[in-house]
């Protein structure tokens, strides 16, 4: 019997088989995240991930060809929240300052979570031994954020006359202001993770400097 298509939110029609595969992939990702957080990247193995996920090694390789791919997918899921604010809809009534404030707050909330901090530290610690992993991690996290912010700035330049010569360079500058010295201190453990009150105030201050520069 052919599986009946099922409606998935904002994703069109998908088969029951596809839904099962997505659920299984998510099961593996959650298990792998536990393994990475417990033993780090270099000590993690596909055998260990398969065991934690409760699947065979053959099934694991059917979904993910390497632990590097799993780690990158974990970071994509971990950092997915801020992407919802990267719409360049011409009808968006929200002003640029409010949109960037929301993006900055969402980024810092996500980056200060226990799991994200641990994954950031793992990626940094393994950069010398696994340079490809570090490069992919950066491309799938910060590069996507920069592209999203640059798209918003380009739209503003067309609709409101915002004067930005290089939207991507401006987006990098905004990100530098958001992830400043205070966050590096959090990553190195010299201060505790930022609380929500600090995050909002820190983002407002960064945004003030950014808009003044623009």
N, C-alpha and C. Protein backbone atom coordinates (compact mmCIF):
# COMPACT_ATOMS: atom_id res chain seq x y z
N UNK A 1 0.84 -1.19 0.00
CA UNK A 1 0.00 0.00 0.00
C UNK A 1 0.88 1.24 0.00
N UNK A 2 0.56 2.23 -0.84
CA UNK A 2 1.34 3.45 -0.92
C UNK A 2 1.04 4.35 0.26
N UNK A 3 2.10 4.89 0.87
CA UNK A 3 1.91 5.76 2.03
C UNK A 3 1.20 7.03 1.58
N UNK A 4 0.21 7.45 2.37
CA UNK A 4 -0.54 8.65 2.05
C UNK A 4 0.28 9.88 2.40
N UNK A 5 0.32 10.89 1.51
CA UNK A 5 1.06 12.11 1.81
C UNK A 5 0.50 12.80 3.05
N UNK A 6 1.34 13.37 3.82
CA UNK A 6 0.95 14.05 5.04
C UNK A 6 1.38 15.50 4.96
N UNK A 7 0.56 16.39 5.48
CA UNK A 7 0.89 17.81 5.43
C UNK A 7 1.84 18.15 6.57
N UNK A 8 3.00 18.72 6.25
CA UNK A 8 3.95 19.18 7.26
C UNK A 8 3.94 20.69 7.27
N UNK A 9 3.97 21.32 8.43
CA UNK A 9 3.89 22.77 8.51
C UNK A 9 4.93 23.46 7.64
N UNK A 10 4.45 24.29 6.70
CA UNK A 10 5.32 25.12 5.86
C UNK A 10 6.31 24.32 5.02
N UNK A 11 6.09 23.02 4.87
CA UNK A 11 7.06 22.23 4.10
C UNK A 11 6.38 21.52 2.93
N UNK A 12 5.07 21.75 2.73
CA UNK A 12 4.38 21.07 1.66
C UNK A 12 4.00 19.65 2.08
N UNK A 13 3.67 18.81 1.09
CA UNK A 13 3.26 17.44 1.37
C UNK A 13 4.48 16.52 1.41
N UNK A 14 4.53 15.68 2.42
CA UNK A 14 5.60 14.70 2.54
C UNK A 14 4.97 13.35 2.85
N UNK A 15 5.66 12.30 2.46
CA UNK A 15 5.13 10.96 2.69
C UNK A 15 5.37 10.54 4.14
N UNK A 16 4.64 9.52 4.56
CA UNK A 16 4.82 8.99 5.91
C UNK A 16 6.24 8.46 6.08
N UNK A 17 6.81 7.91 5.00
CA UNK A 17 8.18 7.41 5.05
C UNK A 17 9.17 8.54 5.33
N UNK A 18 8.97 9.68 4.66
CA UNK A 18 9.85 10.83 4.90
C UNK A 18 9.74 11.33 6.33
N UNK A 19 8.54 11.34 6.86
CA UNK A 19 8.35 11.77 8.25
C UNK A 19 9.08 10.83 9.21
N UNK A 20 9.02 9.52 8.91
CA UNK A 20 9.72 8.55 9.77
C UNK A 20 11.23 8.78 9.71
N UNK A 21 11.75 9.07 8.51
CA UNK A 21 13.19 9.31 8.36
C UNK A 21 13.61 10.58 9.12
N UNK A 22 12.78 11.60 9.05
CA UNK A 22 13.11 12.83 9.79
C UNK A 22 13.13 12.57 11.29
N UNK A 23 12.16 11.79 11.75
CA UNK A 23 12.11 11.47 13.18
C UNK A 23 13.33 10.66 13.59
N UNK A 24 13.72 9.70 12.76
CA UNK A 24 14.90 8.87 13.06
C UNK A 24 16.17 9.72 13.04
N UNK A 25 16.29 10.62 12.06
CA UNK A 25 17.46 11.50 12.00
C UNK A 25 17.55 12.37 13.24
N UNK A 26 16.41 12.88 13.69
CA UNK A 26 16.41 13.71 14.91
C UNK A 26 16.79 12.89 16.13
N UNK A 27 16.35 11.64 16.17
CA UNK A 27 16.72 10.73 17.26
C UNK A 27 18.24 10.55 17.31
N UNK A 28 18.84 10.38 16.15
CA UNK A 28 20.29 10.18 16.07
C UNK A 28 21.02 11.46 16.47
N UNK A 29 20.53 12.60 16.00
CA UNK A 29 21.17 13.88 16.33
C UNK A 29 21.15 14.13 17.84
N UNK A 30 20.02 13.88 18.48
CA UNK A 30 19.92 14.10 19.93
C UNK A 30 20.86 13.17 20.68
N UNK A 31 20.96 11.93 20.24
CA UNK A 31 21.86 10.98 20.89
C UNK A 31 23.31 11.39 20.68
N UNK A 32 23.63 11.79 19.46
CA UNK A 32 25.01 12.21 19.16
C UNK A 32 25.40 13.43 19.97
N UNK A 33 24.47 14.35 20.16
CA UNK A 33 24.77 15.54 20.96
C UNK A 33 25.14 15.14 22.38
N UNK A 34 24.42 14.18 22.93
CA UNK A 34 24.76 13.70 24.28
C UNK A 34 26.17 13.12 24.31
N UNK A 35 26.51 12.36 23.28
CA UNK A 35 27.85 11.75 23.22
C UNK A 35 28.92 12.83 23.13
N UNK A 36 28.74 13.80 22.23
CA UNK A 36 29.73 14.87 22.07
C UNK A 36 29.91 15.66 23.37
N UNK A 37 28.81 15.93 24.05
CA UNK A 37 28.89 16.70 25.28
C UNK A 37 29.54 15.91 26.41
N UNK A 38 29.41 14.57 26.34
CA UNK A 38 29.99 13.71 27.38
C UNK A 38 31.48 13.49 27.19
N UNK A 39 31.90 13.22 25.95
CA UNK A 39 33.30 12.79 25.73
C UNK A 39 34.08 13.69 24.78
N UNK A 40 33.43 14.71 24.17
CA UNK A 40 34.11 15.55 23.21
C UNK A 40 34.04 14.97 21.81
N UNK A 41 34.57 15.70 20.85
CA UNK A 41 34.47 15.27 19.46
C UNK A 41 35.45 14.15 19.13
N UNK A 42 36.72 14.32 19.51
CA UNK A 42 37.75 13.35 19.10
C UNK A 42 37.51 11.97 19.72
N UNK A 43 36.96 11.94 20.93
CA UNK A 43 36.72 10.65 21.60
C UNK A 43 35.40 10.01 21.20
N UNK A 44 34.53 10.77 20.57
CA UNK A 44 33.25 10.22 20.12
C UNK A 44 33.49 9.28 18.94
N UNK A 45 32.69 8.24 18.85
CA UNK A 45 32.80 7.29 17.75
C UNK A 45 31.42 7.01 17.17
N UNK A 46 31.40 6.58 15.94
CA UNK A 46 30.13 6.21 15.31
C UNK A 46 29.49 5.04 16.04
N UNK A 47 30.32 4.12 16.55
CA UNK A 47 29.79 2.99 17.34
C UNK A 47 29.07 3.50 18.57
N UNK A 48 29.71 4.45 19.27
CA UNK A 48 29.11 5.00 20.48
C UNK A 48 27.83 5.75 20.20
N UNK A 49 27.81 6.49 19.10
CA UNK A 49 26.61 7.24 18.73
C UNK A 49 25.48 6.29 18.37
N UNK A 50 25.79 5.23 17.61
CA UNK A 50 24.76 4.24 17.25
C UNK A 50 24.18 3.59 18.49
N UNK A 51 25.05 3.25 19.44
CA UNK A 51 24.58 2.61 20.67
C UNK A 51 23.69 3.55 21.46
N UNK A 52 24.10 4.82 21.58
CA UNK A 52 23.30 5.79 22.34
C UNK A 52 21.96 6.04 21.66
N UNK A 53 21.95 6.02 20.32
CA UNK A 53 20.71 6.28 19.58
C UNK A 53 19.80 5.06 19.51
N UNK A 54 20.35 3.90 19.85
CA UNK A 54 19.55 2.68 19.77
C UNK A 54 19.31 2.22 18.35
N UNK A 55 20.30 2.46 17.46
CA UNK A 55 20.18 2.01 16.08
C UNK A 55 21.41 1.21 15.71
N UNK A 56 21.31 0.46 14.62
CA UNK A 56 22.47 -0.29 14.15
C UNK A 56 23.47 0.68 13.51
N UNK A 57 24.72 0.23 13.40
CA UNK A 57 25.73 1.06 12.75
C UNK A 57 25.39 1.26 11.28
N UNK A 58 24.82 0.25 10.67
CA UNK A 58 24.41 0.36 9.27
C UNK A 58 23.35 1.45 9.10
N UNK A 59 22.38 1.47 10.02
CA UNK A 59 21.34 2.50 9.96
C UNK A 59 21.94 3.88 10.15
N UNK A 60 22.89 4.00 11.09
CA UNK A 60 23.54 5.29 11.35
C UNK A 60 24.21 5.81 10.08
N UNK A 61 24.96 4.94 9.39
CA UNK A 61 25.66 5.37 8.19
C UNK A 61 24.70 5.63 7.03
N UNK A 62 23.51 5.07 7.11
CA UNK A 62 22.50 5.35 6.10
C UNK A 62 22.02 6.80 6.20
N UNK A 63 22.08 7.36 7.41
CA UNK A 63 21.63 8.73 7.65
C UNK A 63 22.79 9.73 7.63
N UNK A 64 23.92 9.33 8.19
CA UNK A 64 25.07 10.24 8.31
C UNK A 64 26.35 9.49 7.94
N UNK A 65 27.12 10.07 7.04
CA UNK A 65 28.33 9.42 6.56
C UNK A 65 29.51 9.57 7.50
N UNK A 66 29.45 10.51 8.43
CA UNK A 66 30.58 10.72 9.34
C UNK A 66 30.10 11.45 10.59
N UNK A 67 30.92 11.40 11.62
CA UNK A 67 30.57 12.13 12.84
C UNK A 67 30.72 13.63 12.63
N UNK A 68 31.58 14.04 11.66
CA UNK A 68 31.70 15.46 11.33
C UNK A 68 30.36 15.99 10.81
N UNK A 69 29.71 15.22 9.94
CA UNK A 69 28.42 15.63 9.39
C UNK A 69 27.37 15.73 10.49
N UNK A 70 27.41 14.81 11.44
CA UNK A 70 26.45 14.86 12.54
C UNK A 70 26.68 16.11 13.37
N UNK A 71 27.94 16.42 13.66
CA UNK A 71 28.26 17.58 14.48
C UNK A 71 27.78 18.87 13.81
N UNK A 72 28.01 18.99 12.51
CA UNK A 72 27.57 20.18 11.79
C UNK A 72 26.05 20.29 11.82
N UNK A 73 25.35 19.17 11.63
CA UNK A 73 23.89 19.19 11.67
C UNK A 73 23.39 19.59 13.05
N UNK A 74 24.08 19.15 14.09
CA UNK A 74 23.71 19.53 15.46
C UNK A 74 23.81 21.04 15.62
N UNK A 75 24.89 21.64 15.12
CA UNK A 75 25.06 23.08 15.24
C UNK A 75 24.01 23.83 14.42
N UNK A 76 23.62 23.28 13.28
CA UNK A 76 22.58 23.91 12.48
C UNK A 76 21.27 23.96 13.25
N UNK A 77 20.93 22.85 13.91
CA UNK A 77 19.72 22.81 14.72
C UNK A 77 19.85 23.75 15.91
N UNK A 78 21.02 23.74 16.55
CA UNK A 78 21.25 24.55 17.75
C UNK A 78 21.12 26.04 17.46
N UNK A 79 21.55 26.46 16.27
CA UNK A 79 21.56 27.88 15.94
C UNK A 79 20.41 28.29 15.02
N UNK A 80 19.39 27.45 14.91
CA UNK A 80 18.31 27.71 13.96
C UNK A 80 17.37 28.83 14.41
N UNK A 81 17.26 29.07 15.72
CA UNK A 81 16.29 30.05 16.23
C UNK A 81 16.46 31.43 15.62
N UNK A 82 17.67 32.01 15.61
CA UNK A 82 17.79 33.38 15.07
C UNK A 82 17.45 33.50 13.59
N UNK A 83 17.51 32.41 12.82
CA UNK A 83 17.27 32.49 11.39
C UNK A 83 15.85 32.94 11.05
N UNK A 84 14.92 32.73 11.96
CA UNK A 84 13.54 33.10 11.67
C UNK A 84 13.37 34.61 11.52
N UNK A 85 14.33 35.37 12.04
CA UNK A 85 14.26 36.82 11.95
C UNK A 85 14.94 37.39 10.71
N UNK A 86 15.41 36.50 9.81
CA UNK A 86 16.17 36.97 8.66
C UNK A 86 15.31 37.17 7.41
N UNK A 87 14.04 37.37 7.59
CA UNK A 87 13.16 37.61 6.46
C UNK A 87 13.48 38.94 5.80
N UNK A 88 13.46 38.96 4.48
CA UNK A 88 13.63 40.22 3.74
C UNK A 88 12.32 40.59 3.04
N UNK A 89 11.22 40.26 3.68
CA UNK A 89 9.90 40.57 3.14
C UNK A 89 9.74 42.09 3.04
N UNK A 90 9.42 42.55 1.85
CA UNK A 90 9.26 43.99 1.63
C UNK A 90 8.13 44.58 2.47
N UNK A 91 7.18 43.73 2.90
CA UNK A 91 6.02 44.23 3.65
C UNK A 91 6.26 44.20 5.16
N UNK A 92 7.43 43.77 5.59
CA UNK A 92 7.72 43.71 7.02
C UNK A 92 7.64 45.11 7.61
N UNK A 93 6.69 45.34 8.56
CA UNK A 93 6.49 46.70 9.09
C UNK A 93 7.52 47.09 10.15
N UNK A 94 8.30 46.15 10.62
CA UNK A 94 9.22 46.42 11.72
C UNK A 94 10.42 47.21 11.23
N UNK A 95 10.84 48.19 12.01
CA UNK A 95 11.97 49.01 11.60
C UNK A 95 13.28 48.22 11.76
N UNK A 96 14.32 48.71 11.11
CA UNK A 96 15.61 48.02 11.12
C UNK A 96 16.14 47.82 12.53
N UNK A 97 16.08 48.84 13.36
CA UNK A 97 16.62 48.75 14.72
C UNK A 97 15.94 47.64 15.51
N UNK A 98 14.61 47.54 15.38
CA UNK A 98 13.88 46.50 16.12
C UNK A 98 14.23 45.11 15.62
N UNK A 99 14.39 44.97 14.31
CA UNK A 99 14.73 43.65 13.74
C UNK A 99 16.12 43.22 14.19
N UNK A 100 17.08 44.14 14.12
CA UNK A 100 18.43 43.80 14.54
C UNK A 100 18.50 43.56 16.04
N UNK A 101 17.70 44.27 16.81
CA UNK A 101 17.67 44.03 18.26
C UNK A 101 17.19 42.61 18.54
N UNK A 102 16.12 42.19 17.85
CA UNK A 102 15.61 40.82 18.06
C UNK A 102 16.64 39.79 17.64
N UNK A 103 17.30 40.03 16.50
CA UNK A 103 18.31 39.08 16.04
C UNK A 103 19.45 38.99 17.04
N UNK A 104 19.94 40.13 17.50
CA UNK A 104 21.04 40.14 18.45
C UNK A 104 20.70 39.42 19.75
N UNK A 105 19.49 39.69 20.26
CA UNK A 105 19.06 39.04 21.51
C UNK A 105 18.93 37.54 21.30
N UNK A 106 18.32 37.12 20.19
CA UNK A 106 18.17 35.68 19.92
C UNK A 106 19.53 35.00 19.78
N UNK A 107 20.46 35.66 19.09
CA UNK A 107 21.80 35.10 18.93
C UNK A 107 22.48 34.89 20.27
N UNK A 108 22.43 35.90 21.12
CA UNK A 108 23.11 35.80 22.41
C UNK A 108 22.41 34.83 23.36
N UNK A 109 21.09 34.78 23.30
CA UNK A 109 20.38 33.78 24.12
C UNK A 109 20.81 32.37 23.72
N UNK A 110 20.84 32.13 22.41
CA UNK A 110 21.24 30.81 21.93
C UNK A 110 22.70 30.53 22.28
N UNK A 111 23.58 31.50 22.04
CA UNK A 111 25.01 31.30 22.27
C UNK A 111 25.36 31.13 23.73
N UNK A 112 24.51 31.63 24.63
CA UNK A 112 24.79 31.52 26.07
C UNK A 112 24.13 30.30 26.71
N UNK A 113 23.42 29.50 25.92
CA UNK A 113 22.85 28.28 26.48
C UNK A 113 23.97 27.29 26.80
N UNK A 114 23.74 26.44 27.77
CA UNK A 114 24.77 25.50 28.20
C UNK A 114 25.23 24.61 27.06
N UNK A 115 24.29 24.10 26.28
CA UNK A 115 24.64 23.18 25.20
C UNK A 115 25.44 23.89 24.10
N UNK A 116 24.99 25.09 23.70
CA UNK A 116 25.70 25.80 22.64
C UNK A 116 27.11 26.16 23.08
N UNK A 117 27.26 26.64 24.30
CA UNK A 117 28.59 26.97 24.82
C UNK A 117 29.51 25.75 24.77
N UNK A 118 28.99 24.61 25.19
CA UNK A 118 29.80 23.39 25.17
C UNK A 118 30.20 23.01 23.76
N UNK A 119 29.28 23.12 22.80
CA UNK A 119 29.58 22.78 21.42
C UNK A 119 30.57 23.77 20.81
N UNK A 120 30.44 25.05 21.13
CA UNK A 120 31.42 26.04 20.68
C UNK A 120 32.82 25.67 21.18
N UNK A 121 32.91 25.31 22.44
CA UNK A 121 34.20 24.98 23.03
C UNK A 121 34.79 23.73 22.41
N UNK A 122 33.94 22.76 22.09
CA UNK A 122 34.41 21.55 21.42
C UNK A 122 34.98 21.89 20.05
N UNK A 123 34.25 22.70 19.28
CA UNK A 123 34.71 23.07 17.94
C UNK A 123 36.04 23.82 18.01
N UNK A 124 36.19 24.72 18.97
CA UNK A 124 37.43 25.48 19.11
C UNK A 124 38.58 24.57 19.52
N UNK A 125 38.31 23.65 20.44
CA UNK A 125 39.36 22.77 20.94
C UNK A 125 39.86 21.81 19.87
N UNK A 126 38.99 21.46 18.93
CA UNK A 126 39.36 20.48 17.91
C UNK A 126 39.81 21.13 16.60
N UNK A 127 39.93 22.46 16.57
CA UNK A 127 40.22 23.17 15.31
C UNK A 127 41.54 22.74 14.70
N UNK A 128 42.57 22.51 15.52
CA UNK A 128 43.88 22.13 14.97
C UNK A 128 43.88 20.71 14.41
N UNK A 129 43.23 19.80 15.13
CA UNK A 129 43.22 18.40 14.69
C UNK A 129 42.21 18.14 13.58
N UNK A 130 41.12 18.93 13.58
CA UNK A 130 40.06 18.75 12.58
C UNK A 130 39.74 20.09 11.93
N UNK A 131 40.66 20.64 11.12
CA UNK A 131 40.44 21.96 10.52
C UNK A 131 39.21 22.00 9.61
N UNK A 132 38.92 20.88 8.94
CA UNK A 132 37.74 20.85 8.08
C UNK A 132 36.47 21.01 8.90
N UNK A 133 36.44 20.39 10.06
CA UNK A 133 35.28 20.52 10.95
C UNK A 133 35.11 21.97 11.38
N UNK A 134 36.22 22.61 11.77
CA UNK A 134 36.16 24.00 12.21
C UNK A 134 35.66 24.90 11.09
N UNK A 135 36.14 24.66 9.87
CA UNK A 135 35.72 25.48 8.73
C UNK A 135 34.23 25.27 8.44
N UNK A 136 33.79 24.03 8.44
CA UNK A 136 32.38 23.75 8.18
C UNK A 136 31.50 24.33 9.28
N UNK A 137 31.98 24.22 10.52
CA UNK A 137 31.24 24.76 11.65
C UNK A 137 31.03 26.26 11.46
N UNK A 138 32.09 26.97 11.07
CA UNK A 138 31.98 28.42 10.88
C UNK A 138 31.06 28.75 9.72
N UNK A 139 31.18 27.99 8.63
CA UNK A 139 30.35 28.26 7.45
C UNK A 139 28.88 28.02 7.73
N UNK A 140 28.57 27.00 8.51
CA UNK A 140 27.19 26.64 8.77
C UNK A 140 26.58 27.41 9.93
N UNK A 141 27.38 28.20 10.63
CA UNK A 141 26.84 28.98 11.74
C UNK A 141 27.01 30.46 11.47
N UNK A 142 28.19 30.99 11.69
CA UNK A 142 28.40 32.43 11.57
C UNK A 142 28.23 32.94 10.14
N UNK A 143 28.70 32.19 9.15
CA UNK A 143 28.58 32.66 7.77
C UNK A 143 27.11 32.81 7.37
N UNK A 144 26.26 31.89 7.81
CA UNK A 144 24.84 31.98 7.49
C UNK A 144 24.19 33.16 8.19
N UNK A 145 24.61 33.42 9.42
CA UNK A 145 24.09 34.57 10.16
C UNK A 145 24.50 35.86 9.44
N UNK A 146 25.76 35.94 9.03
CA UNK A 146 26.24 37.13 8.32
C UNK A 146 25.45 37.34 7.03
N UNK A 147 25.24 36.26 6.27
CA UNK A 147 24.47 36.37 5.03
C UNK A 147 23.06 36.87 5.29
N UNK A 148 22.44 36.37 6.37
CA UNK A 148 21.08 36.79 6.70
C UNK A 148 21.00 38.27 7.05
N UNK A 149 21.93 38.73 7.86
CA UNK A 149 21.95 40.15 8.26
C UNK A 149 22.25 41.02 7.05
N UNK A 150 23.19 40.58 6.20
CA UNK A 150 23.53 41.35 4.99
C UNK A 150 22.31 41.51 4.10
N UNK A 151 21.48 40.47 3.99
CA UNK A 151 20.27 40.55 3.19
C UNK A 151 19.31 41.60 3.71
N UNK A 152 19.19 41.69 5.04
CA UNK A 152 18.33 42.70 5.65
C UNK A 152 18.87 44.10 5.37
N UNK A 153 20.18 44.28 5.49
CA UNK A 153 20.78 45.59 5.26
C UNK A 153 20.65 46.01 3.80
N UNK A 154 20.80 45.06 2.89
CA UNK A 154 20.62 45.38 1.46
C UNK A 154 19.19 45.83 1.19
N UNK A 155 18.23 45.15 1.81
CA UNK A 155 16.83 45.55 1.63
C UNK A 155 16.60 46.96 2.17
N UNK A 156 17.17 47.24 3.33
CA UNK A 156 17.02 48.58 3.91
C UNK A 156 17.62 49.65 3.02
N UNK A 157 18.73 49.31 2.36
CA UNK A 157 19.35 50.26 1.46
C UNK A 157 18.45 50.61 0.29
N UNK A 158 17.62 49.65 -0.12
CA UNK A 158 16.72 49.86 -1.26
C UNK A 158 15.44 50.57 -0.86
N UNK A 159 14.98 50.35 0.38
CA UNK A 159 13.67 50.86 0.79
C UNK A 159 13.72 52.10 1.67
N UNK A 160 14.78 52.24 2.46
CA UNK A 160 14.81 53.37 3.40
C UNK A 160 16.02 54.28 3.22
N UNK A 161 16.87 53.94 2.25
CA UNK A 161 18.01 54.80 2.00
C UNK A 161 19.16 54.61 2.96
N UNK A 162 19.20 53.49 3.67
CA UNK A 162 20.32 53.21 4.56
C UNK A 162 21.62 53.22 3.76
N UNK A 163 22.60 53.94 4.24
CA UNK A 163 23.85 54.09 3.49
C UNK A 163 24.89 53.09 3.97
N UNK A 164 24.92 51.94 3.31
CA UNK A 164 25.91 50.90 3.61
C UNK A 164 26.60 50.52 2.31
N UNK A 165 27.88 50.79 2.24
CA UNK A 165 28.63 50.51 1.01
C UNK A 165 28.77 49.02 0.76
N UNK A 166 29.09 48.28 1.81
CA UNK A 166 29.28 46.83 1.70
C UNK A 166 28.43 46.17 2.78
N UNK A 167 27.27 45.62 2.37
CA UNK A 167 26.31 45.06 3.34
C UNK A 167 26.90 43.90 4.11
N UNK A 168 27.70 43.08 3.45
CA UNK A 168 28.26 41.91 4.13
C UNK A 168 29.31 42.33 5.16
N UNK A 169 30.12 43.31 4.80
CA UNK A 169 31.11 43.81 5.75
C UNK A 169 30.43 44.46 6.94
N UNK A 170 29.34 45.17 6.69
CA UNK A 170 28.58 45.79 7.78
C UNK A 170 27.97 44.72 8.68
N UNK A 171 27.48 43.62 8.06
CA UNK A 171 26.91 42.53 8.85
C UNK A 171 27.97 41.89 9.75
N UNK A 172 29.18 41.74 9.23
CA UNK A 172 30.27 41.20 10.05
C UNK A 172 30.58 42.13 11.22
N UNK A 173 30.54 43.43 10.97
CA UNK A 173 30.79 44.40 12.03
C UNK A 173 29.72 44.29 13.12
N UNK A 174 28.46 44.16 12.70
CA UNK A 174 27.38 44.01 13.68
C UNK A 174 27.59 42.76 14.53
N UNK A 175 27.98 41.67 13.88
CA UNK A 175 28.21 40.42 14.60
C UNK A 175 29.40 40.56 15.56
N UNK A 176 30.43 41.29 15.12
CA UNK A 176 31.58 41.53 16.00
C UNK A 176 31.16 42.28 17.26
N UNK A 177 30.25 43.25 17.10
CA UNK A 177 29.78 44.01 18.26
C UNK A 177 28.95 43.14 19.20
N UNK A 178 28.14 42.24 18.60
CA UNK A 178 27.30 41.36 19.42
C UNK A 178 28.16 40.35 20.19
N UNK A 179 29.08 39.69 19.46
CA UNK A 179 29.95 38.70 20.09
C UNK A 179 31.27 39.38 20.45
N UNK A 180 31.22 40.30 21.37
CA UNK A 180 32.39 41.05 21.77
C UNK A 180 33.15 40.39 22.91
N UNK A 181 33.92 41.20 23.60
CA UNK A 181 34.78 40.71 24.68
C UNK A 181 34.00 39.98 25.76
N UNK A 182 32.82 40.50 26.07
CA UNK A 182 32.02 39.88 27.14
C UNK A 182 31.70 38.42 26.82
N UNK A 183 31.35 38.14 25.55
CA UNK A 183 31.02 36.76 25.21
C UNK A 183 32.27 35.87 25.22
N UNK A 184 33.41 36.40 24.80
CA UNK A 184 34.64 35.62 24.86
C UNK A 184 34.96 35.24 26.30
N UNK A 185 34.67 36.13 27.22
CA UNK A 185 34.88 35.82 28.63
C UNK A 185 33.97 34.67 29.08
N UNK A 186 32.74 34.67 28.55
CA UNK A 186 31.82 33.58 28.87
C UNK A 186 32.36 32.26 28.31
N UNK A 187 32.82 32.28 27.06
CA UNK A 187 33.34 31.06 26.42
C UNK A 187 34.52 30.49 27.21
N UNK A 188 35.40 31.38 27.68
CA UNK A 188 36.57 30.91 28.43
C UNK A 188 36.27 30.66 29.91
N UNK A 189 35.02 30.90 30.31
CA UNK A 189 34.61 30.57 31.66
C UNK A 189 35.06 31.55 32.73
N UNK A 190 35.52 32.75 32.36
CA UNK A 190 35.96 33.72 33.37
C UNK A 190 34.78 34.47 33.98
N UNK A 191 33.63 34.47 33.28
CA UNK A 191 32.39 35.01 33.84
C UNK A 191 31.27 34.03 33.51
N UNK A 192 30.19 34.03 34.26
CA UNK A 192 29.09 33.11 33.96
C UNK A 192 28.35 33.53 32.71
N UNK A 193 27.55 32.63 32.13
CA UNK A 193 26.75 32.98 30.95
C UNK A 193 25.89 34.21 31.21
N UNK A 194 25.64 34.97 30.17
CA UNK A 194 24.85 36.20 30.29
C UNK A 194 23.40 35.88 30.63
N UNK A 195 22.82 36.66 31.53
CA UNK A 195 21.38 36.51 31.78
C UNK A 195 20.60 37.39 30.81
N UNK A 196 19.28 37.24 30.82
CA UNK A 196 18.46 37.90 29.82
C UNK A 196 18.54 39.42 29.91
N UNK A 197 18.57 39.95 31.12
CA UNK A 197 18.64 41.40 31.29
C UNK A 197 19.93 41.94 30.69
N UNK A 198 21.04 41.25 30.95
CA UNK A 198 22.33 41.69 30.42
C UNK A 198 22.34 41.59 28.90
N UNK A 199 21.78 40.49 28.37
CA UNK A 199 21.76 40.28 26.92
C UNK A 199 21.04 41.42 26.21
N UNK A 200 19.88 41.83 26.73
CA UNK A 200 19.10 42.89 26.09
C UNK A 200 19.86 44.22 26.14
N UNK A 201 20.44 44.53 27.29
CA UNK A 201 21.19 45.79 27.42
C UNK A 201 22.44 45.78 26.55
N UNK A 202 23.12 44.64 26.50
CA UNK A 202 24.35 44.50 25.70
C UNK A 202 24.04 44.66 24.22
N UNK A 203 22.93 44.07 23.78
CA UNK A 203 22.53 44.18 22.37
C UNK A 203 22.15 45.60 22.02
N UNK A 204 21.42 46.29 22.92
CA UNK A 204 21.04 47.68 22.65
C UNK A 204 22.28 48.57 22.49
N UNK A 205 23.27 48.32 23.34
CA UNK A 205 24.50 49.11 23.26
C UNK A 205 25.25 48.84 21.95
N UNK A 206 25.34 47.57 21.58
CA UNK A 206 26.01 47.20 20.33
C UNK A 206 25.28 47.81 19.13
N UNK A 207 23.95 47.76 19.18
CA UNK A 207 23.14 48.29 18.08
C UNK A 207 23.31 49.80 17.96
N UNK A 208 23.42 50.49 19.09
CA UNK A 208 23.63 51.94 19.08
C UNK A 208 24.90 52.30 18.32
N UNK A 209 26.00 51.59 18.63
CA UNK A 209 27.27 51.85 17.95
C UNK A 209 27.17 51.50 16.46
N UNK A 210 26.48 50.40 16.16
CA UNK A 210 26.37 49.96 14.77
C UNK A 210 25.61 50.98 13.93
N UNK A 211 24.45 51.43 14.43
CA UNK A 211 23.65 52.38 13.66
C UNK A 211 24.33 53.74 13.53
N UNK A 212 25.10 54.11 14.55
CA UNK A 212 25.86 55.37 14.47
C UNK A 212 26.91 55.27 13.37
N UNK A 213 27.53 54.11 13.25
CA UNK A 213 28.54 53.90 12.21
C UNK A 213 27.93 53.92 10.82
N UNK A 214 26.67 53.46 10.72
CA UNK A 214 26.00 53.43 9.41
C UNK A 214 25.45 54.79 9.02
